[in-house]
Amino acid sequence: MKWSKYFLPTIKEVPTGTEAVSHQLLLRSGLVHMLTSGVYSYLPLGWRVLSKIENIIREEMNAAGAHELLMPAIQPLEIWQKTGRDKTLEEVMIRFKNKKGTSMCLGPTHEEIITDLVKSFVQSYRQLPVTLYQIQTKFRDETRPRFGVVRACEFIMKDAYSFDTSLEGLKKNYDAMYAAYKKIFDRCGLKPIIAEADTGAMGGRLSHEFLVPAPIGEDKAKDEDGIEHQAIEVGHIFQLGTKYSEALGAVYLDEQGKQQPMIMGCYGIGVSRLISTIIEVHNDDKGIKWPQEVAPFLVEILPLQPSDPEVMGLAEQYYDELTKCKIDVLMDDRDESAGRKFNDADLIGLPFRITIGKRTLAEGKVEIKNRATSQVEVLPKDAAVGRMLALAGK
């Protein structure tokens, strides 16, 4: 992608009314735009990060044996009344009546909906176990939206649900999700503290939270050394048992032909919240430092004098060669000052930067900078593409 043709509006100054570093950097680096309090658009750069995170989640969920679907956000309130959660979640549930006068809501979560769906198709123990998941927008009327997309009114969540015939089966699925979550967060560059937690409004037998230490965290978590941290909850898994299946009549016939309630688990990850959490963990006073797997682009090519044919010719050559090798490349071909380009490069924080300038090019060399370590390599111009491929693990 070439910056001059891309929609990437960076902001020099810190936006007013922002207290979290991640919120400031989300806005300044052109990742998101606030429509109103707690409601955000994801701009092209932010959408690329979101897509990278979603792909990681899909890969690990699929590997754990879960199957993706997509459920509706508009839901009849009647189904929530059967479990009593129309009252439990009353403060955050966005409700309305449709033109027929039916009470509806925008889904804050999907336990009721998935249970109703599965009971429509599963009748026998032979059809179990099954684990289904989705990546979908949720809606909650938050009284105090905070920290950008960390606590928002509209947010993206991965929610998965397992259905089993026994507690042993539930534990097996729960353990599989627990392991998948560890892989997901590791690939996102995060090291959460995993803690047993209160099941709260979800109900159930057992739950674990995945908490990433961060200054803006609204939860508390103790690390392995017993030190307590402010932390952001990025994931929560629950052994629900039969709370929802009994309330909604999700039963199956066992081997003796008797009806039994399905035994459920549910497993959530705050997908959009992960963007803010990653930035909270990976930043410095100049901007973001993206981990490689979630970076919107892996490398930025920065020609300092785009009007110089030799400088720009080499930049175009690198761009073409790296793109052919399936490397995500952003080239800053704008006619801007070197200072502006360097500041924007540090702000958006791509893992690697290749700088091409007349002075170093006169010696037949270019620079590669590692954003995470600030290490700069000066190397022959013909070695730059090979070095980048090695850094990318190609």
Protein backbone atom coordinates (compact mmCIF):
# COMPACT_ATOMS: atom_id res chain seq x y z
CA MET A 1 0.00 0.00 0.00
CA LYS A 2 1.24 3.49 -0.84
CA TRP A 3 0.58 6.12 1.80
CA SER A 4 -0.36 8.80 -0.76
CA LYS A 5 -3.22 6.60 -1.98
CA TYR A 6 -4.25 5.30 1.47
CA PHE A 7 -6.75 6.75 3.94
CA LEU A 8 -4.46 7.17 6.94
CA PRO A 9 -5.18 10.44 8.79
CA THR A 10 -2.59 10.84 11.57
CA ILE A 11 -2.92 13.53 14.25
CA LYS A 12 0.06 15.34 15.73
CA GLU A 13 -1.53 16.60 18.96
CA VAL A 14 -3.02 14.52 21.78
CA PRO A 15 -6.84 14.67 21.44
CA THR A 16 -8.59 16.47 24.29
CA GLY A 17 -10.59 14.42 26.77
CA THR A 18 -8.48 11.27 26.37
CA GLU A 19 -6.86 9.81 29.48
CA ALA A 20 -5.64 6.41 28.31
CA VAL A 21 -2.46 6.14 26.24
CA SER A 22 -4.11 3.51 24.05
CA HIS A 23 -7.10 5.79 23.38
CA GLN A 24 -4.79 8.66 22.40
CA LEU A 25 -2.74 6.45 20.09
CA LEU A 26 -5.82 4.84 18.52
CA LEU A 27 -7.03 8.30 17.49
CA ARG A 28 -3.65 9.85 16.64
CA SER A 29 -2.49 6.95 14.47
CA GLY A 30 -5.66 6.88 12.38
CA LEU A 31 -6.89 3.52 13.66
CA VAL A 32 -10.34 4.64 14.83
CA HIS A 33 -12.66 7.67 14.77
CA MET A 34 -15.17 8.45 17.51
CA LEU A 35 -18.73 9.03 16.30
CA THR A 36 -20.09 9.62 19.80
CA SER A 37 -19.15 8.51 23.30
CA GLY A 38 -18.53 4.75 23.28
CA VAL A 39 -19.16 4.35 19.52
CA TYR A 40 -16.26 4.13 17.05
CA SER A 41 -15.54 3.62 13.37
CA TYR A 42 -12.53 1.47 12.48
CA LEU A 43 -10.51 3.24 9.80
CA PRO A 44 -8.54 1.20 7.23
CA LEU A 45 -5.42 0.83 9.40
CA GLY A 46 -7.50 -0.17 12.44
CA TRP A 47 -9.56 -2.58 10.37
CA ARG A 48 -6.38 -4.34 9.24
CA VAL A 49 -5.33 -4.84 12.87
CA LEU A 50 -8.80 -6.07 13.77
CA SER A 51 -8.72 -8.52 10.86
CA LYS A 52 -5.30 -9.85 11.94
CA ILE A 53 -6.61 -10.44 15.48
CA GLU A 54 -9.76 -12.12 14.17
CA ASN A 55 -7.71 -14.41 11.91
CA ILE A 56 -5.56 -15.51 14.86
CA ILE A 57 -8.71 -16.26 16.86
CA ARG A 58 -10.27 -18.19 13.98
CA GLU A 59 -7.16 -20.29 13.45
CA GLU A 60 -6.93 -21.29 17.12
CA MET A 61 -10.66 -21.83 17.59
CA ASN A 62 -10.86 -23.99 14.48
CA ALA A 63 -7.81 -25.96 15.63
CA ALA A 64 -9.59 -26.57 18.97
CA GLY A 65 -12.55 -28.12 17.14
CA ALA A 66 -15.00 -25.20 17.21
CA HIS A 67 -17.16 -24.27 14.20
CA GLU A 68 -17.91 -20.68 13.19
CA LEU A 69 -21.41 -19.31 12.62
CA LEU A 70 -23.07 -15.90 12.85
CA MET A 71 -26.14 -15.14 14.98
CA PRO A 72 -28.47 -12.12 14.84
CA ALA A 73 -27.89 -8.98 16.86
CA ILE A 74 -31.64 -8.17 16.93
CA GLN A 75 -33.31 -10.52 19.41
CA PRO A 76 -36.81 -10.99 20.87
CA LEU A 77 -36.91 -10.00 24.53
CA GLU A 78 -39.12 -13.01 25.23
CA ILE A 79 -36.20 -15.41 25.05
CA TRP A 80 -34.32 -13.37 27.67
CA GLN A 81 -37.35 -13.43 29.95
CA LYS A 82 -37.18 -17.24 30.05
CA THR A 83 -33.80 -17.11 31.78
CA GLY A 84 -34.53 -13.99 33.84
CA ARG A 85 -31.61 -12.14 32.33
CA ASP A 86 -33.88 -9.44 30.97
CA LYS A 87 -33.75 -8.25 34.61
CA THR A 88 -30.11 -9.19 35.36
CA LEU A 89 -28.81 -7.18 32.40
CA GLU A 90 -31.54 -4.54 32.47
CA GLU A 91 -29.14 -1.64 33.05
CA VAL A 92 -27.06 -2.26 29.93
CA MET A 93 -29.60 -3.87 27.56
CA ILE A 94 -30.73 -1.69 24.64
CA ARG A 95 -34.44 -2.38 24.13
CA PHE A 96 -37.06 -1.28 21.64
CA LYS A 97 -40.37 -2.36 20.13
CA ASN A 98 -40.67 -3.23 16.47
CA LYS A 99 -43.57 -2.08 14.26
CA LYS A 100 -45.66 -5.06 15.39
CA GLY A 101 -45.24 -3.97 19.01
CA THR A 102 -42.98 -6.92 19.89
CA SER A 103 -40.38 -6.18 22.56
CA MET A 104 -36.89 -6.61 21.13
CA CYS A 105 -33.31 -5.94 22.18
CA LEU A 106 -29.86 -5.56 20.67
CA GLY A 107 -27.83 -8.54 21.85
CA PRO A 108 -25.39 -7.81 24.69
CA THR A 109 -24.36 -11.51 24.52
CA HIS A 110 -25.74 -14.72 22.97
CA GLU A 111 -26.18 -17.55 25.51
CA GLU A 112 -29.96 -17.57 25.10
CA ILE A 113 -29.80 -17.38 21.31
CA ILE A 114 -27.27 -20.19 20.83
CA THR A 115 -29.17 -22.44 23.25
CA ASP A 116 -32.41 -21.89 21.33
CA LEU A 117 -30.58 -22.58 18.07
CA VAL A 118 -28.91 -25.82 19.19
CA LYS A 119 -32.08 -27.24 20.76
CA SER A 120 -33.77 -26.86 17.35
CA PHE A 121 -31.33 -29.30 15.74
CA VAL A 122 -29.83 -31.56 18.40
CA GLN A 123 -32.07 -34.34 19.73
CA SER A 124 -29.71 -37.25 20.45
CA TYR A 125 -26.54 -37.89 22.42
CA ARG A 126 -25.04 -39.05 19.11
CA GLN A 127 -25.04 -35.39 17.92
CA LEU A 128 -22.98 -34.22 20.90
CA PRO A 129 -20.52 -32.78 21.78
CA VAL A 130 -20.54 -29.65 19.62
CA THR A 131 -18.78 -26.29 20.00
CA LEU A 132 -19.89 -23.25 18.00
CA TYR A 133 -18.48 -19.73 17.92
CA GLN A 134 -18.96 -16.37 16.28
CA ILE A 135 -17.17 -13.03 15.95
CA GLN A 136 -19.88 -10.40 16.15
CA THR A 137 -20.83 -6.93 17.34
CA LYS A 138 -22.47 -6.65 20.78
CA PHE A 139 -24.40 -3.71 22.18
CA ARG A 140 -24.51 -2.45 25.75
CA ASP A 141 -25.83 0.88 27.01
CA GLU A 142 -22.81 1.67 29.14
CA THR A 143 -23.37 4.46 31.66
CA ARG A 144 -19.68 5.42 31.53
CA PRO A 145 -17.92 4.42 28.32
CA ARG A 146 -14.19 4.64 29.07
CA PHE A 147 -10.76 4.42 27.52
CA GLY A 148 -11.86 4.37 23.88
CA VAL A 149 -12.79 0.85 22.78
CA VAL A 150 -11.90 -0.76 26.13
CA ARG A 151 -15.38 -0.06 27.53
CA ALA A 152 -17.63 0.86 24.62
CA CYS A 153 -21.35 0.73 23.81
CA GLU A 154 -20.75 -1.16 20.58
CA PHE A 155 -17.92 -3.68 20.54
CA ILE A 156 -16.74 -6.83 18.80
CA MET A 157 -16.60 -10.09 20.71
CA LYS A 158 -15.69 -13.67 19.98
CA ASP A 159 -18.16 -15.86 21.86
CA ALA A 160 -18.07 -19.65 21.77
CA TYR A 161 -20.44 -22.21 23.29
CA SER A 162 -19.95 -25.90 23.96
CA PHE A 163 -22.70 -28.50 24.43
CA ASP A 164 -21.95 -31.84 26.09
CA THR A 165 -23.64 -34.88 27.58
CA SER A 166 -21.48 -35.03 30.72
CA LEU A 167 -19.42 -32.92 33.10
CA GLU A 168 -16.36 -34.84 31.90
CA GLY A 169 -17.12 -33.74 28.36
CA LEU A 170 -17.58 -30.15 29.51
CA LYS A 171 -14.23 -30.22 31.29
CA LYS A 172 -12.54 -31.55 28.15
CA ASN A 173 -13.99 -28.72 26.05
CA TYR A 174 -13.20 -26.18 28.77
CA ASP A 175 -9.58 -27.31 28.89
CA ALA A 176 -9.35 -27.12 25.08
CA MET A 177 -10.63 -23.53 25.12
CA TYR A 178 -8.29 -22.65 28.01
CA ALA A 179 -5.33 -23.87 25.95
CA ALA A 180 -6.56 -22.11 22.79
CA TYR A 181 -6.88 -18.82 24.68
CA LYS A 182 -3.29 -19.04 25.89
CA LYS A 183 -2.14 -19.49 22.28
CA ILE A 184 -4.33 -16.62 21.02
CA PHE A 185 -3.06 -14.11 23.56
CA ASP A 186 0.54 -15.22 23.10
CA ARG A 187 0.26 -14.64 19.34
CA CYS A 188 -1.18 -11.19 20.06
CA GLY A 189 1.91 -10.33 22.11
CA LEU A 190 0.14 -10.52 25.49
CA LYS A 191 0.91 -12.43 28.68
CA PRO A 192 -2.29 -12.51 30.72
CA ILE A 193 -2.64 -13.56 34.32
CA ILE A 194 -5.18 -16.39 34.46
CA ALA A 195 -7.36 -16.35 37.57
CA GLU A 196 -10.40 -18.24 38.82
CA ALA A 197 -13.29 -15.79 38.93
CA ASP A 198 -16.86 -15.18 40.05
CA THR A 199 -19.36 -16.40 37.45
CA GLY A 200 -21.57 -13.32 38.02
CA ALA A 201 -24.58 -12.73 35.78
CA MET A 202 -23.47 -15.57 33.48
CA GLY A 203 -23.97 -18.17 36.17
CA GLY A 204 -22.46 -21.64 36.18
CA ARG A 205 -20.01 -23.78 38.14
CA LEU A 206 -16.56 -22.37 37.41
CA SER A 207 -14.92 -19.60 35.41
CA HIS A 208 -11.47 -18.21 34.63
CA GLU A 209 -10.53 -14.68 33.61
CA PHE A 210 -7.59 -13.75 31.39
CA LEU A 211 -6.24 -10.45 32.73
CA VAL A 212 -3.49 -8.34 31.16
CA PRO A 213 -1.68 -5.96 33.53
CA ALA A 214 -2.16 -2.36 32.35
CA PRO A 215 -2.46 1.06 34.07
CA ILE A 216 -6.04 1.57 32.87
CA GLY A 217 -7.24 -1.88 33.98
CA GLU A 218 -10.56 -1.95 35.84
CA ASP A 219 -9.85 -5.35 37.38
CA LYS A 220 -7.15 -6.54 39.79
CA ALA A 221 -4.95 -9.59 39.36
CA LYS A 222 -2.05 -11.12 41.26
CA ASP A 223 0.89 -12.44 39.28
CA GLU A 224 2.92 -15.55 40.13
CA ASP A 225 5.02 -13.50 42.56
CA GLY A 226 1.94 -12.35 44.44
CA ILE A 227 2.17 -8.78 43.17
CA GLU A 228 -1.20 -7.19 42.51
CA HIS A 229 -1.76 -5.34 39.23
CA GLN A 230 -4.45 -3.24 37.63
CA ALA A 231 -5.52 -5.37 34.69
CA ILE A 232 -7.75 -5.42 31.62
CA GLU A 233 -9.98 -8.47 31.20
CA VAL A 234 -9.46 -9.73 27.65
CA GLY A 235 -11.09 -13.14 27.99
CA HIS A 236 -13.45 -15.07 30.26
CA ILE A 237 -14.45 -18.73 30.08
CA PHE A 238 -17.30 -20.39 32.00
CA GLN A 239 -18.52 -23.87 32.86
CA LEU A 240 -22.23 -22.99 32.65
CA GLY A 241 -23.66 -26.42 33.38
CA THR A 242 -27.42 -26.64 32.73
CA LYS A 243 -28.56 -23.11 33.68
CA TYR A 244 -29.58 -22.13 30.14
CA SER A 245 -30.47 -25.54 28.76
CA GLU A 246 -32.96 -26.16 31.58
CA ALA A 247 -34.52 -22.70 31.28
CA LEU A 248 -34.90 -22.97 27.49
CA GLY A 249 -35.64 -26.69 27.17
CA ALA A 250 -32.44 -27.69 25.38
CA VAL A 251 -32.56 -31.44 25.97
CA TYR A 252 -31.32 -34.57 24.22
CA LEU A 253 -32.17 -38.25 24.44
CA ASP A 254 -29.49 -40.31 26.21
CA GLU A 255 -28.57 -43.94 25.47
CA GLN A 256 -31.55 -45.13 27.51
CA GLY A 257 -33.93 -42.84 25.58
CA LYS A 258 -34.38 -40.46 28.52
CA GLN A 259 -34.38 -36.69 28.18
CA GLN A 260 -31.39 -34.90 29.69
CA PRO A 261 -30.43 -31.21 29.69
CA MET A 262 -27.37 -30.35 27.63
CA ILE A 263 -24.33 -29.33 29.66
CA MET A 264 -22.92 -26.04 28.44
CA GLY A 265 -19.76 -23.95 28.53
CA CYS A 266 -19.21 -20.47 27.14
CA TYR A 267 -16.00 -18.72 26.17
CA GLY A 268 -15.59 -15.01 25.38
CA ILE A 269 -12.82 -12.78 24.05
CA GLY A 270 -13.13 -9.00 23.71
CA VAL A 271 -11.83 -8.71 20.14
CA SER A 272 -11.96 -4.92 19.78
CA ARG A 273 -10.75 -4.53 23.37
CA LEU A 274 -7.62 -6.49 22.39
CA ILE A 275 -6.49 -3.64 20.12
CA SER A 276 -6.40 -1.20 23.03
CA THR A 277 -4.80 -3.78 25.32
CA ILE A 278 -2.01 -4.52 22.84
CA ILE A 279 -1.29 -0.79 22.49
CA GLU A 280 -1.30 -0.33 26.30
CA VAL A 281 1.38 -3.01 26.58
CA HIS A 282 3.37 -2.15 23.44
CA ASN A 283 4.10 1.57 23.19
CA ASP A 284 6.65 4.25 24.01
CA ASP A 285 6.64 8.06 24.07
CA LYS A 286 6.75 8.14 20.25
CA GLY A 287 3.85 5.81 19.47
CA ILE A 288 2.78 2.20 19.04
CA LYS A 289 5.12 -0.80 18.79
CA TRP A 290 3.03 -3.50 17.11
CA PRO A 291 3.84 -7.20 17.64
CA GLN A 292 4.47 -8.78 14.25
CA GLU A 293 1.39 -11.01 14.02
CA VAL A 294 -1.12 -8.21 14.60
CA ALA A 295 0.67 -5.32 12.87
CA PRO A 296 -1.39 -3.73 10.08
CA PHE A 297 1.70 -3.89 7.85
CA LEU A 298 4.97 -5.63 8.65
CA VAL A 299 7.32 -3.07 7.15
CA GLU A 300 7.30 0.58 6.12
CA ILE A 301 9.51 1.71 3.25
CA LEU A 302 10.52 5.30 3.85
CA PRO A 303 12.16 7.12 0.92
CA LEU A 304 13.41 10.42 2.35
CA GLN A 305 13.56 12.20 -1.02
CA PRO A 306 10.64 10.87 -3.11
CA SER A 307 11.50 13.36 -5.89
CA ASP A 308 14.92 11.75 -6.35
CA PRO A 309 14.75 9.07 -9.11
CA GLU A 310 17.41 6.83 -7.55
CA VAL A 311 15.84 6.94 -4.06
CA MET A 312 12.32 6.38 -5.34
CA GLY A 313 13.41 3.75 -7.86
CA LEU A 314 14.94 1.64 -5.10
CA ALA A 315 11.87 2.17 -2.89
CA GLU A 316 9.62 0.93 -5.71
CA GLN A 317 11.91 -2.06 -6.26
CA TYR A 318 11.76 -3.04 -2.57
CA TYR A 319 8.00 -2.51 -2.56
CA ASP A 320 7.45 -4.81 -5.55
CA GLU A 321 9.83 -7.54 -4.36
CA LEU A 322 8.47 -7.66 -0.79
CA THR A 323 4.87 -7.58 -2.00
CA LYS A 324 5.55 -10.53 -4.32
CA CYS A 325 6.92 -12.39 -1.28
CA LYS A 326 3.57 -11.88 0.52
CA ILE A 327 4.95 -9.26 2.92
CA ASP A 328 2.48 -6.55 3.97
CA VAL A 329 4.22 -3.31 2.96
CA LEU A 330 3.36 0.35 3.46
CA MET A 331 5.44 2.83 1.46
CA ASP A 332 5.47 6.45 2.60
CA ASP A 333 5.72 8.07 -0.82
CA ARG A 334 4.30 11.40 0.40
CA ASP A 335 6.05 14.64 -0.41
CA GLU A 336 6.58 15.50 3.27
CA SER A 337 9.57 16.49 5.39
CA ALA A 338 11.82 13.75 6.75
CA GLY A 339 10.84 14.79 10.29
CA ARG A 340 7.12 14.36 9.58
CA LYS A 341 7.73 10.97 7.99
CA PHE A 342 9.86 9.71 10.88
CA ASN A 343 7.31 10.93 13.45
CA ASP A 344 4.42 9.27 11.63
CA ALA A 345 6.42 6.05 11.22
CA ASP A 346 7.08 5.87 14.96
CA LEU A 347 3.46 6.81 15.69
CA ILE A 348 1.84 4.01 13.67
CA GLY A 349 4.58 1.66 14.89
CA LEU A 350 5.07 -0.96 12.18
CA PRO A 351 7.59 -3.62 13.28
CA PHE A 352 10.25 -2.70 10.69
CA ARG A 353 11.24 0.36 8.69
CA ILE A 354 13.52 0.54 5.66
CA THR A 355 14.89 4.07 5.27
CA ILE A 356 16.33 5.12 1.91
CA GLY A 357 18.16 8.44 1.81
CA LYS A 358 20.52 10.08 -0.68
CA ARG A 359 23.41 10.21 1.79
CA THR A 360 23.48 6.51 2.72
CA LEU A 361 22.48 5.46 -0.79
CA ALA A 362 25.58 7.25 -2.13
CA GLU A 363 27.52 4.63 -0.16
CA GLY A 364 25.31 1.86 -1.58
CA LYS A 365 23.55 1.32 1.75
CA VAL A 366 20.14 1.59 3.42
CA GLU A 367 18.89 1.34 7.02
CA ILE A 368 16.51 -1.16 8.61
CA LYS A 369 15.08 -0.22 12.00
CA ASN A 370 13.39 -2.60 14.43
CA ARG A 371 10.60 -0.61 16.10
CA ALA A 372 10.43 -2.88 19.18
CA THR A 373 14.15 -2.67 20.02
CA SER A 374 15.07 0.62 18.25
CA GLN A 375 18.04 -1.27 16.78
CA VAL A 376 19.19 0.13 13.41
CA GLU A 377 21.09 -1.96 10.86
CA VAL A 378 23.02 -0.31 8.05
CA LEU A 379 23.46 -2.80 5.22
CA PRO A 380 24.15 -2.95 1.48
CA LYS A 381 21.11 -1.99 -0.58
CA ASP A 382 21.09 -5.37 -2.34
CA ALA A 383 20.84 -7.19 1.02
CA ALA A 384 17.78 -5.34 2.34
CA VAL A 385 15.05 -7.54 0.87
CA GLY A 386 16.77 -10.75 1.97
CA ARG A 387 17.23 -9.35 5.46
CA MET A 388 13.57 -8.36 5.67
CA LEU A 389 12.47 -11.81 4.58
CA ALA A 390 14.66 -13.31 7.32
CA LEU A 391 13.19 -10.95 9.92
CA ALA A 392 9.71 -11.92 8.74
CA GLY A 393 10.56 -15.62 9.08
CA LYS A 394 10.18 -16.26 5.34
